[in-house]
Amino acid sequence: MNQLLKLILTGTLILCFLKMPYIFYRISGFALFAGFGWLTYDAFQRRDSLDVKIFVILTILYNPFIGLPIPNIIQIIINIIVIIGMVLNILFAQENPYEDYNIKKDDR
């Protein structure tokens, strides 16, 4: 499911480069905030500290409630970097990252 969410978030970021109505950008801001928040929670559950740090930064960056005063050209560069990073994350992700954290009842 996380791979699908990452793909949807990447597609949303790519669509933001097209000329869309203003409401699309507002809704995409909330979707990106919620999606990266979910990925942060999931990385925390997997105990992957690097992913937690990355997704927390992205959650803060795409926060629709408190906008950061970032110039438009820098925001475009950040979006391109995030798109490339998400595509690489999708391509090189583990199949099932939860295998190592399953605790059997006999192991307690």
PDB file of N, CA and C in Angstrom:
ATOM      1  N   MET A   1       0.816  -1.190   0.000  1.00  0.00           N
ATOM      2  CA  MET A   1       0.000   0.000   0.000  1.00  0.00           C
ATOM      3  C   MET A   1       0.867   1.264   0.000  1.00  0.00           C
ATOM      4  N   ASN A   2       2.005   1.211   0.719  1.00  0.00           N
ATOM      5  CA  ASN A   2       2.855   2.398   0.768  1.00  0.00           C
ATOM      6  C   ASN A   2       3.430   2.734  -0.602  1.00  0.00           C
ATOM      7  N   GLN A   3       3.711   1.720  -1.412  1.00  0.00           N
ATOM      8  CA  GLN A   3       4.237   1.982  -2.742  1.00  0.00           C
ATOM      9  C   GLN A   3       3.191   2.699  -3.595  1.00  0.00           C
ATOM     10  N   LEU A   4       1.934   2.304  -3.449  1.00  0.00           N
ATOM     11  CA  LEU A   4       0.854   2.962  -4.176  1.00  0.00           C
ATOM     12  C   LEU A   4       0.691   4.405  -3.702  1.00  0.00           C
ATOM     13  N   LEU A   5       0.787   4.622  -2.399  1.00  0.00           N
ATOM     14  CA  LEU A   5       0.687   5.978  -1.859  1.00  0.00           C
ATOM     15  C   LEU A   5       1.840   6.848  -2.362  1.00  0.00           C
ATOM     16  N   LYS A   6       3.039   6.295  -2.392  1.00  0.00           N
ATOM     17  CA  LYS A   6       4.182   7.045  -2.911  1.00  0.00           C
ATOM     18  C   LYS A   6       3.989   7.384  -4.389  1.00  0.00           C
ATOM     19  N   LEU A   7       3.428   6.451  -5.138  1.00  0.00           N
ATOM     20  CA  LEU A   7       3.162   6.683  -6.557  1.00  0.00           C
ATOM     21  C   LEU A   7       2.105   7.776  -6.750  1.00  0.00           C
ATOM     22  N   ILE A   8       1.071   7.763  -5.928  1.00  0.00           N
ATOM     23  CA  ILE A   8       0.028   8.789  -6.011  1.00  0.00           C
ATOM     24  C   ILE A   8       0.592  10.160  -5.640  1.00  0.00           C
ATOM     25  N   LEU A   9       1.417  10.220  -4.594  1.00  0.00           N
ATOM     26  CA  LEU A   9       2.020  11.490  -4.195  1.00  0.00           C
ATOM     27  C   LEU A   9       2.961  12.022  -5.276  1.00  0.00           C
ATOM     28  N   THR A  10       3.715  11.127  -5.888  1.00  0.00           N
ATOM     29  CA  THR A  10       4.605  11.536  -6.975  1.00  0.00           C
ATOM     30  C   THR A  10       3.802  12.052  -8.165  1.00  0.00           C
ATOM     31  N   GLY A  11       2.722  11.377  -8.502  1.00  0.00           N
ATOM     32  CA  GLY A  11       1.855  11.837  -9.585  1.00  0.00           C
ATOM     33  C   GLY A  11       1.231  13.188  -9.287  1.00  0.00           C
ATOM     34  N   THR A  12       0.864  13.404  -8.040  1.00  0.00           N
ATOM     35  CA  THR A  12       0.312  14.698  -7.644  1.00  0.00           C
ATOM     36  C   THR A  12       1.344  15.802  -7.810  1.00  0.00           C
ATOM     37  N   LEU A  13       2.582  15.526  -7.410  1.00  0.00           N
ATOM     38  CA  LEU A  13       3.645  16.520  -7.573  1.00  0.00           C
ATOM     39  C   LEU A  13       3.918  16.812  -9.045  1.00  0.00           C
ATOM     40  N   ILE A  14       3.849  15.794  -9.883  1.00  0.00           N
ATOM     41  CA  ILE A  14       4.060  16.000 -11.319  1.00  0.00           C
ATOM     42  C   ILE A  14       2.919  16.825 -11.909  1.00  0.00           C
ATOM     43  N   LEU A  15       1.689  16.549 -11.482  1.00  0.00           N
ATOM     44  CA  LEU A  15       0.541  17.314 -11.982  1.00  0.00           C
ATOM     45  C   LEU A  15       0.598  18.776 -11.555  1.00  0.00           C
ATOM     46  N   CYS A  16       1.300  19.065 -10.470  1.00  0.00           N
ATOM     47  CA  CYS A  16       1.410  20.456 -10.011  1.00  0.00           C
ATOM     48  C   CYS A  16       2.226  21.312 -10.979  1.00  0.00           C
ATOM     49  N   PHE A  17       2.986  20.699 -11.879  1.00  0.00           N
ATOM     50  CA  PHE A  17       3.739  21.461 -12.873  1.00  0.00           C
ATOM     51  C   PHE A  17       2.859  21.926 -14.031  1.00  0.00           C
ATOM     52  N   LEU A  18       1.681  21.323 -14.169  1.00  0.00           N
ATOM     53  CA  LEU A  18       0.764  21.724 -15.230  1.00  0.00           C
ATOM     54  C   LEU A  18      -0.091  22.900 -14.776  1.00  0.00           C
ATOM     55  N   LYS A  19      -0.704  23.561 -15.719  1.00  0.00           N
ATOM     56  CA  LYS A  19      -1.588  24.681 -15.381  1.00  0.00           C
ATOM     57  C   LYS A  19      -2.925  24.099 -14.946  1.00  0.00           C
ATOM     58  N   MET A  20      -3.184  24.212 -13.653  1.00  0.00           N
ATOM     59  CA  MET A  20      -4.400  23.663 -13.062  1.00  0.00           C
ATOM     60  C   MET A  20      -5.147  24.775 -12.331  1.00  0.00           C
ATOM     61  N   PRO A  21      -6.429  24.543 -12.013  1.00  0.00           N
ATOM     62  CA  PRO A  21      -7.160  25.534 -11.214  1.00  0.00           C
ATOM     63  C   PRO A  21      -6.568  25.652  -9.800  1.00  0.00           C
ATOM     64  N   TYR A  22      -6.818  26.770  -9.173  1.00  0.00           N
ATOM     65  CA  TYR A  22      -6.257  27.036  -7.853  1.00  0.00           C
ATOM     66  C   TYR A  22      -6.700  26.000  -6.834  1.00  0.00           C
ATOM     67  N   ILE A  23      -7.934  25.516  -6.929  1.00  0.00           N
ATOM     68  CA  ILE A  23      -8.446  24.545  -5.964  1.00  0.00           C
ATOM     69  C   ILE A  23      -7.643  23.244  -6.001  1.00  0.00           C
ATOM     70  N   PHE A  24      -7.115  22.891  -7.177  1.00  0.00           N
ATOM     71  CA  PHE A  24      -6.288  21.692  -7.274  1.00  0.00           C
ATOM     72  C   PHE A  24      -5.040  21.819  -6.402  1.00  0.00           C
ATOM     73  N   TYR A  25      -4.409  22.973  -6.425  1.00  0.00           N
ATOM     74  CA  TYR A  25      -3.198  23.172  -5.633  1.00  0.00           C
ATOM     75  C   TYR A  25      -3.511  23.155  -4.141  1.00  0.00           C
ATOM     76  N   ARG A  26      -4.664  23.680  -3.755  1.00  0.00           N
ATOM     77  CA  ARG A  26      -5.058  23.643  -2.339  1.00  0.00           C
ATOM     78  C   ARG A  26      -5.323  22.205  -1.897  1.00  0.00           C
ATOM     79  N   ILE A  27      -6.073  21.457  -2.709  1.00  0.00           N
ATOM     80  CA  ILE A  27      -6.378  20.070  -2.362  1.00  0.00           C
ATOM     81  C   ILE A  27      -5.114  19.220  -2.389  1.00  0.00           C
ATOM     82  N   SER A  28      -4.240  19.454  -3.358  1.00  0.00           N
ATOM     83  CA  SER A  28      -3.000  18.686  -3.416  1.00  0.00           C
ATOM     84  C   SER A  28      -2.119  18.986  -2.207  1.00  0.00           C
ATOM     85  N   GLY A  29      -2.161  20.210  -1.686  1.00  0.00           N
ATOM     86  CA  GLY A  29      -1.406  20.527  -0.470  1.00  0.00           C
ATOM     87  C   GLY A  29      -1.870  19.692   0.716  1.00  0.00           C
ATOM     88  N   PHE A  30      -3.192  19.557   0.868  1.00  0.00           N
ATOM     89  CA  PHE A  30      -3.721  18.726   1.949  1.00  0.00           C
ATOM     90  C   PHE A  30      -3.402  17.252   1.719  1.00  0.00           C
ATOM     91  N   ALA A  31      -3.493  16.800   0.466  1.00  0.00           N
ATOM     92  CA  ALA A  31      -3.208  15.392   0.149  1.00  0.00           C
ATOM     93  C   ALA A  31      -1.736  15.067   0.391  1.00  0.00           C
ATOM     94  N   LEU A  32      -0.849  15.967  -0.017  1.00  0.00           N
ATOM     95  CA  LEU A  32       0.579  15.742   0.210  1.00  0.00           C
ATOM     96  C   LEU A  32       0.901  15.746   1.697  1.00  0.00           C
ATOM     97  N   PHE A  33       0.296  16.649   2.442  1.00  0.00           N
ATOM     98  CA  PHE A  33       0.501  16.713   3.886  1.00  0.00           C
ATOM     99  C   PHE A  33       0.047  15.413   4.554  1.00  0.00           C
ATOM    100  N   ALA A  34      -1.151  14.947   4.206  1.00  0.00           N
ATOM    101  CA  ALA A  34      -1.677  13.721   4.801  1.00  0.00           C
ATOM    102  C   ALA A  34      -0.867  12.501   4.355  1.00  0.00           C
ATOM    103  N   GLY A  35      -0.496  12.444   3.082  1.00  0.00           N
ATOM    104  CA  GLY A  35       0.268  11.302   2.581  1.00  0.00           C
ATOM    105  C   GLY A  35       1.646  11.195   3.202  1.00  0.00           C
ATOM    106  N   PHE A  36       2.360  12.311   3.271  1.00  0.00           N
ATOM    107  CA  PHE A  36       3.682  12.269   3.890  1.00  0.00           C
ATOM    108  C   PHE A  36       3.575  12.041   5.398  1.00  0.00           C
ATOM    109  N   GLY A  37       2.493  12.510   6.009  1.00  0.00           N
ATOM    110  CA  GLY A  37       2.263  12.209   7.421  1.00  0.00           C
ATOM    111  C   GLY A  37       2.072  10.721   7.648  1.00  0.00           C
ATOM    112  N   TRP A  38       1.305  10.087   6.760  1.00  0.00           N
ATOM    113  CA  TRP A  38       1.113   8.636   6.875  1.00  0.00           C
ATOM    114  C   TRP A  38       2.433   7.891   6.656  1.00  0.00           C
ATOM    115  N   LEU A  39       3.215   8.310   5.688  1.00  0.00           N
ATOM    116  CA  LEU A  39       4.502   7.657   5.434  1.00  0.00           C
ATOM    117  C   LEU A  39       5.455   7.855   6.607  1.00  0.00           C
ATOM    118  N   THR A  40       5.359   9.002   7.297  1.00  0.00           N
ATOM    119  CA  THR A  40       6.161   9.227   8.497  1.00  0.00           C
ATOM    120  C   THR A  40       5.764   8.248   9.588  1.00  0.00           C
ATOM    121  N   TYR A  41       4.475   8.101   9.802  1.00  0.00           N
ATOM    122  CA  TYR A  41       3.982   7.164  10.808  1.00  0.00           C
ATOM    123  C   TYR A  41       4.404   5.734  10.488  1.00  0.00           C
ATOM    124  N   ASP A  42       4.306   5.358   9.226  1.00  0.00           N
ATOM    125  CA  ASP A  42       4.679   4.012   8.822  1.00  0.00           C
ATOM    126  C   ASP A  42       6.178   3.772   9.009  1.00  0.00           C
ATOM    127  N   ALA A  43       6.997   4.757   8.663  1.00  0.00           N
ATOM    128  CA  ALA A  43       8.445   4.613   8.854  1.00  0.00           C
ATOM    129  C   ALA A  43       8.780   4.531  10.336  1.00  0.00           C
ATOM    130  N   PHE A  44       8.023   5.253  11.174  1.00  0.00           N
ATOM    131  CA  PHE A  44       8.233   5.171  12.622  1.00  0.00           C
ATOM    132  C   PHE A  44       7.890   3.779  13.131  1.00  0.00           C
ATOM    133  N   GLN A  45       6.829   3.183  12.609  1.00  0.00           N
ATOM    134  CA  GLN A  45       6.446   1.835  13.009  1.00  0.00           C
ATOM    135  C   GLN A  45       7.487   0.800  12.579  1.00  0.00           C
ATOM    136  N   ARG A  46       8.146   1.049  11.449  1.00  0.00           N
ATOM    137  CA  ARG A  46       9.192   0.142  10.962  1.00  0.00           C
ATOM    138  C   ARG A  46      10.533   0.398  11.631  1.00  0.00           C
ATOM    139  N   ARG A  47      10.615   1.448  12.444  1.00  0.00           N
ATOM    140  CA  ARG A  47      11.850   1.843  13.134  1.00  0.00           C
ATOM    141  C   ARG A  47      12.959   2.196  12.144  1.00  0.00           C
ATOM    142  N   ASP A  48      12.588   2.894  11.084  1.00  0.00           N
ATOM    143  CA  ASP A  48      13.537   3.336  10.070  1.00  0.00           C
ATOM    144  C   ASP A  48      13.783   4.830  10.274  1.00  0.00           C
ATOM    145  N   SER A  49      14.834   5.162  11.012  1.00  0.00           N
ATOM    146  CA  SER A  49      15.029   6.551  11.442  1.00  0.00           C
ATOM    147  C   SER A  49      15.326   7.496  10.273  1.00  0.00           C
ATOM    148  N   LEU A  50      16.009   7.032   9.233  1.00  0.00           N
ATOM    149  CA  LEU A  50      16.291   7.899   8.094  1.00  0.00           C
ATOM    150  C   LEU A  50      15.014   8.280   7.366  1.00  0.00           C
ATOM    151  N   ASP A  51      14.141   7.307   7.120  1.00  0.00           N
ATOM    152  CA  ASP A  51      12.866   7.598   6.456  1.00  0.00           C
ATOM    153  C   ASP A  51      11.993   8.507   7.315  1.00  0.00           C
ATOM    154  N   VAL A  52      12.024   8.318   8.635  1.00  0.00           N
ATOM    155  CA  VAL A  52      11.242   9.179   9.515  1.00  0.00           C
ATOM    156  C   VAL A  52      11.697  10.623   9.368  1.00  0.00           C
ATOM    157  N   LYS A  53      13.004  10.854   9.375  1.00  0.00           N
ATOM    158  CA  LYS A  53      13.524  12.214   9.256  1.00  0.00           C
ATOM    159  C   LYS A  53      13.152  12.836   7.904  1.00  0.00           C
ATOM    160  N   ILE A  54      13.294  12.067   6.847  1.00  0.00           N
ATOM    161  CA  ILE A  54      12.979  12.578   5.505  1.00  0.00           C
ATOM    162  C   ILE A  54      11.499  12.921   5.394  1.00  0.00           C
ATOM    163  N   PHE A  55      10.622  12.014   5.835  1.00  0.00           N
ATOM    164  CA  PHE A  55       9.193  12.244   5.689  1.00  0.00           C
ATOM    165  C   PHE A  55       8.679  13.324   6.644  1.00  0.00           C
ATOM    166  N   VAL A  56       9.313  13.507   7.805  1.00  0.00           N
ATOM    167  CA  VAL A  56       8.932  14.621   8.686  1.00  0.00           C
ATOM    168  C   VAL A  56       9.248  15.944   8.010  1.00  0.00           C
ATOM    169  N   ILE A  57      10.423  16.038   7.387  1.00  0.00           N
ATOM    170  CA  ILE A  57      10.790  17.264   6.672  1.00  0.00           C
ATOM    171  C   ILE A  57       9.804  17.529   5.532  1.00  0.00           C
ATOM    172  N   LEU A  58       9.441  16.486   4.794  1.00  0.00           N
ATOM    173  CA  LEU A  58       8.493  16.666   3.692  1.00  0.00           C
ATOM    174  C   LEU A  58       7.094  17.024   4.203  1.00  0.00           C
ATOM    175  N   THR A  59       6.702  16.459   5.350  1.00  0.00           N
ATOM    176  CA  THR A  59       5.406  16.802   5.933  1.00  0.00           C
ATOM    177  C   THR A  59       5.373  18.276   6.327  1.00  0.00           C
ATOM    178  N   ILE A  60       6.450  18.754   6.925  1.00  0.00           N
ATOM    179  CA  ILE A  60       6.522  20.168   7.305  1.00  0.00           C
ATOM    180  C   ILE A  60       6.579  21.053   6.061  1.00  0.00           C
ATOM    181  N   LEU A  61       7.318  20.619   5.060  1.00  0.00           N
ATOM    182  CA  LEU A  61       7.472  21.409   3.842  1.00  0.00           C
ATOM    183  C   LEU A  61       6.150  21.588   3.100  1.00  0.00           C
ATOM    184  N   TYR A  62       5.345  20.538   3.043  1.00  0.00           N
ATOM    185  CA  TYR A  62       4.077  20.590   2.316  1.00  0.00           C
ATOM    186  C   TYR A  62       2.885  20.832   3.241  1.00  0.00           C
ATOM    187  N   ASN A  63       3.122  21.448   4.404  1.00  0.00           N
ATOM    188  CA  ASN A  63       2.074  21.767   5.355  1.00  0.00           C
ATOM    189  C   ASN A  63       1.174  22.868   4.787  1.00  0.00           C
ATOM    190  N   PRO A  64      -0.124  22.588   4.585  1.00  0.00           N
ATOM    191  CA  PRO A  64      -0.995  23.621   4.004  1.00  0.00           C
ATOM    192  C   PRO A  64      -1.500  24.631   5.030  1.00  0.00           C
ATOM    193  N   PHE A  65      -1.351  24.352   6.315  1.00  0.00           N
ATOM    194  CA  PHE A  65      -1.884  25.226   7.352  1.00  0.00           C
ATOM    195  C   PHE A  65      -0.965  26.412   7.643  1.00  0.00           C
ATOM    196  N   ILE A  66       0.321  26.144   7.712  1.00  0.00           N
ATOM    197  CA  ILE A  66       1.308  27.193   7.955  1.00  0.00           C
ATOM    198  C   ILE A  66       2.283  27.165   6.790  1.00  0.00           C
ATOM    199  N   GLY A  67       2.110  28.054   5.855  1.00  0.00           N
ATOM    200  CA  GLY A  67       2.949  28.071   4.662  1.00  0.00           C
ATOM    201  C   GLY A  67       4.338  28.635   4.949  1.00  0.00           C
ATOM    202  N   LEU A  68       5.337  27.990   4.406  1.00  0.00           N
ATOM    203  CA  LEU A  68       6.697  28.497   4.537  1.00  0.00           C
ATOM    204  C   LEU A  68       6.955  29.523   3.434  1.00  0.00           C
ATOM    205  N   PRO A  69       7.608  30.625   3.764  1.00  0.00           N
ATOM    206  CA  PRO A  69       7.869  31.653   2.731  1.00  0.00           C
ATOM    207  C   PRO A  69       9.029  31.252   1.824  1.00  0.00           C
ATOM    208  N   ILE A  70       8.737  30.377   0.866  1.00  0.00           N
ATOM    209  CA  ILE A  70       9.751  29.878  -0.059  1.00  0.00           C
ATOM    210  C   ILE A  70       9.463  30.484  -1.425  1.00  0.00           C
ATOM    211  N   PRO A  71      10.486  31.081  -2.061  1.00  0.00           N
ATOM    212  CA  PRO A  71      10.269  31.617  -3.415  1.00  0.00           C
ATOM    213  C   PRO A  71       9.859  30.513  -4.398  1.00  0.00           C
ATOM    214  N   ASN A  72       9.149  30.900  -5.441  1.00  0.00           N
ATOM    215  CA  ASN A  72       8.579  29.949  -6.390  1.00  0.00           C
ATOM    216  C   ASN A  72       9.644  29.089  -7.073  1.00  0.00           C
ATOM    217  N   ILE A  73      10.766  29.678  -7.477  1.00  0.00           N
ATOM    218  CA  ILE A  73      11.797  28.904  -8.182  1.00  0.00           C
ATOM    219  C   ILE A  73      12.429  27.859  -7.258  1.00  0.00           C
ATOM    220  N   ILE A  74      12.581  28.198  -5.985  1.00  0.00           N
ATOM    221  CA  ILE A  74      13.133  27.217  -5.035  1.00  0.00           C
ATOM    222  C   ILE A  74      12.116  26.106  -4.783  1.00  0.00           C
ATOM    223  N   GLN A  75      10.828  26.455  -4.735  1.00  0.00           N
ATOM    224  CA  GLN A  75       9.798  25.436  -4.558  1.00  0.00           C
ATOM    225  C   GLN A  75       9.763  24.476  -5.752  1.00  0.00           C
ATOM    226  N   ILE A  76       9.969  24.970  -6.936  1.00  0.00           N
ATOM    227  CA  ILE A  76      10.023  24.116  -8.124  1.00  0.00           C
ATOM    228  C   ILE A  76      11.214  23.170  -8.050  1.00  0.00           C
ATOM    229  N   ILE A  77      12.364  23.682  -7.634  1.00  0.00           N
ATOM    230  CA  ILE A  77      13.556  22.837  -7.493  1.00  0.00           C
ATOM    231  C   ILE A  77      13.326  21.773  -6.424  1.00  0.00           C
ATOM    232  N   ILE A  78      12.708  22.156  -5.310  1.00  0.00           N
ATOM    233  CA  ILE A  78      12.405  21.189  -4.249  1.00  0.00           C
ATOM    234  C   ILE A  78      11.455  20.119  -4.761  1.00  0.00           C
ATOM    235  N   ASN A  79      10.430  20.525  -5.524  1.00  0.00           N
ATOM    236  CA  ASN A  79       9.484  19.549  -6.077  1.00  0.00           C
ATOM    237  C   ASN A  79      10.187  18.558  -7.004  1.00  0.00           C
ATOM    238  N   ILE A  80      11.104  19.037  -7.833  1.00  0.00           N
ATOM    239  CA  ILE A  80      11.842  18.140  -8.730  1.00  0.00           C
ATOM    240  C   ILE A  80      12.695  17.163  -7.937  1.00  0.00           C
ATOM    241  N   ILE A  81      13.365  17.647  -6.902  1.00  0.00           N
ATOM    242  CA  ILE A  81      14.189  16.769  -6.069  1.00  0.00           C
ATOM    243  C   ILE A  81      13.326  15.727  -5.360  1.00  0.00           C
ATOM    244  N   VAL A  82      12.166  16.142  -4.853  1.00  0.00           N
ATOM    245  CA  VAL A  82      11.269  15.204  -4.169  1.00  0.00           C
ATOM    246  C   VAL A  82      10.731  14.167  -5.146  1.00  0.00           C
ATOM    247  N   ILE A  83      10.379  14.575  -6.363  1.00  0.00           N
ATOM    248  CA  ILE A  83       9.895  13.621  -7.370  1.00  0.00           C
ATOM    249  C   ILE A  83      10.966  12.593  -7.688  1.00  0.00           C
ATOM    250  N   ILE A  84      12.202  13.041  -7.893  1.00  0.00           N
ATOM    251  CA  ILE A  84      13.298  12.101  -8.186  1.00  0.00           C
ATOM    252  C   ILE A  84      13.534  11.168  -7.009  1.00  0.00           C
ATOM    253  N   GLY A  85      13.512  11.716  -5.802  1.00  0.00           N
ATOM    254  CA  GLY A  85      13.706  10.888  -4.611  1.00  0.00           C
ATOM    255  C   GLY A  85      12.605   9.868  -4.414  1.00  0.00           C
ATOM    256  N   MET A  86      11.362  10.263  -4.678  1.00  0.00           N
ATOM    257  CA  MET A  86      10.245   9.327  -4.520  1.00  0.00           C
ATOM    258  C   MET A  86      10.303   8.218  -5.568  1.00  0.00           C
ATOM    259  N   VAL A  87      10.669   8.566  -6.801  1.00  0.00           N
ATOM    260  CA  VAL A  87      10.795   7.537  -7.842  1.00  0.00           C
ATOM    261  C   VAL A  87      11.898   6.549  -7.471  1.00  0.00           C
ATOM    262  N   LEU A  88      13.029   7.041  -6.991  1.00  0.00           N
ATOM    263  CA  LEU A  88      14.109   6.152  -6.564  1.00  0.00           C
ATOM    264  C   LEU A  88      13.680   5.306  -5.369  1.00  0.00           C
ATOM    265  N   ASN A  89      12.928   5.888  -4.460  1.00  0.00           N
ATOM    266  CA  ASN A  89      12.437   5.138  -3.305  1.00  0.00           C
ATOM    267  C   ASN A  89      11.479   4.043  -3.738  1.00  0.00           C
ATOM    268  N   ILE A  90      10.632   4.330  -4.707  1.00  0.00           N
ATOM    269  CA  ILE A  90       9.702   3.315  -5.211  1.00  0.00           C
ATOM    270  C   ILE A  90      10.462   2.184  -5.903  1.00  0.00           C
ATOM    271  N   LEU A  91      11.470   2.545  -6.692  1.00  0.00           N
ATOM    272  CA  LEU A  91      12.202   1.527  -7.454  1.00  0.00           C
ATOM    273  C   LEU A  91      13.065   0.634  -6.588  1.00  0.00           C
ATOM    274  N   PHE A  92      13.667   1.190  -5.538  1.00  0.00           N
ATOM    275  CA  PHE A  92      14.618   0.426  -4.738  1.00  0.00           C
ATOM    276  C   PHE A  92      14.088   0.037  -3.362  1.00  0.00           C
ATOM    277  N   ALA A  93      12.785   0.049  -3.167  1.00  0.00           N
ATOM    278  CA  ALA A  93      12.194  -0.299  -1.877  1.00  0.00           C
ATOM    279  C   ALA A  93      12.208  -1.815  -1.687  1.00  0.00           C
ATOM    280  N   GLN A  94      12.207  -2.205  -0.420  1.00  0.00           N
ATOM    281  CA  GLN A  94      12.141  -3.624  -0.091  1.00  0.00           C
ATOM    282  C   GLN A  94      10.749  -4.144  -0.407  1.00  0.00           C
ATOM    283  N   GLU A  95      10.662  -5.450  -0.632  1.00  0.00           N
ATOM    284  CA  GLU A  95       9.364  -6.045  -0.925  1.00  0.00           C
ATOM    285  C   GLU A  95       8.438  -5.977   0.287  1.00  0.00           C
ATOM    286  N   ASN A  96       8.887  -6.504   1.420  1.00  0.00           N
ATOM    287  CA  ASN A  96       8.075  -6.489   2.626  1.00  0.00           C
ATOM    288  C   ASN A  96       8.959  -6.057   3.787  1.00  0.00           C
ATOM    289  N   PRO A  97       8.975  -4.768   4.129  1.00  0.00           N
ATOM    290  CA  PRO A  97       9.860  -4.301   5.193  1.00  0.00           C
ATOM    291  C   PRO A  97       9.409  -4.717   6.582  1.00  0.00           C
ATOM    292  N   TYR A  98       8.224  -5.293   6.726  1.00  0.00           N
ATOM    293  CA  TYR A  98       7.714  -5.663   8.039  1.00  0.00           C
ATOM    294  C   TYR A  98       8.143  -7.057   8.471  1.00  0.00           C
ATOM    295  N   GLU A  99       8.839  -7.806   7.637  1.00  0.00           N
ATOM    296  CA  GLU A  99       9.208  -9.180   7.967  1.00  0.00           C
ATOM    297  C   GLU A  99      10.106  -9.253   9.195  1.00  0.00           C
ATOM    298  N   ASP A 100      11.007  -8.298   9.353  1.00  0.00           N
ATOM    299  CA  ASP A 100      11.964  -8.352  10.449  1.00  0.00           C
ATOM    300  C   ASP A 100      11.342  -8.012  11.800  1.00  0.00           C
ATOM    301  N   TYR A 101      10.183  -7.373  11.818  1.00  0.00           N
ATOM    302  CA  TYR A 101       9.618  -6.878  13.059  1.00  0.00           C
ATOM    303  C   TYR A 101       8.463  -7.711  13.581  1.00  0.00           C
ATOM    304  N   ASN A 102       8.162  -8.796  12.905  1.00  0.00           N
ATOM    305  CA  ASN A 102       7.103  -9.672  13.394  1.00  0.00           C
ATOM    306  C   ASN A 102       7.631 -10.472  14.569  1.00  0.00           C
ATOM    307  N   ILE A 103       6.960 -10.360  15.689  1.00  0.00           N
ATOM    308  CA  ILE A 103       7.366 -11.074  16.887  1.00  0.00           C
ATOM    309  C   ILE A 103       6.363 -12.183  17.124  1.00  0.00           C
ATOM    310  N   LYS A 104       6.881 -13.383  17.222  1.00  0.00           N
ATOM    311  CA  LYS A 104       6.014 -14.520  17.476  1.00  0.00           C
ATOM    312  C   LYS A 104       5.690 -14.590  18.961  1.00  0.00           C
ATOM    313  N   LYS A 105       4.592 -15.232  19.304  1.00  0.00           N
ATOM    314  CA  LYS A 105       4.194 -15.329  20.708  1.00  0.00           C
ATOM    315  C   LYS A 105       5.193 -16.179  21.493  1.00  0.00           C
ATOM    316  N   ASP A 106       5.852 -17.126  20.844  1.00  0.00           N
ATOM    317  CA  ASP A 106       6.814 -17.979  21.531  1.00  0.00           C
ATOM    318  C   ASP A 106       8.102 -17.237  21.874  1.00  0.00           C
ATOM    319  N   ASP A 107       8.385 -16.130  21.214  1.00  0.00           N
ATOM    320  CA  ASP A 107       9.636 -15.422  21.421  1.00  0.00           C
ATOM    321  C   ASP A 107       9.591 -14.452  22.603  1.00  0.00           C
ATOM    322  N   ARG A 108       8.452 -14.250  23.198  1.00  0.00           N
ATOM    323  CA  ARG A 108       8.354 -13.301  24.314  1.00  0.00           C
ATOM    324  C   ARG A 108       8.957 -13.805  25.555  1.00  0.00           C
TER     325      ARG A 108
END
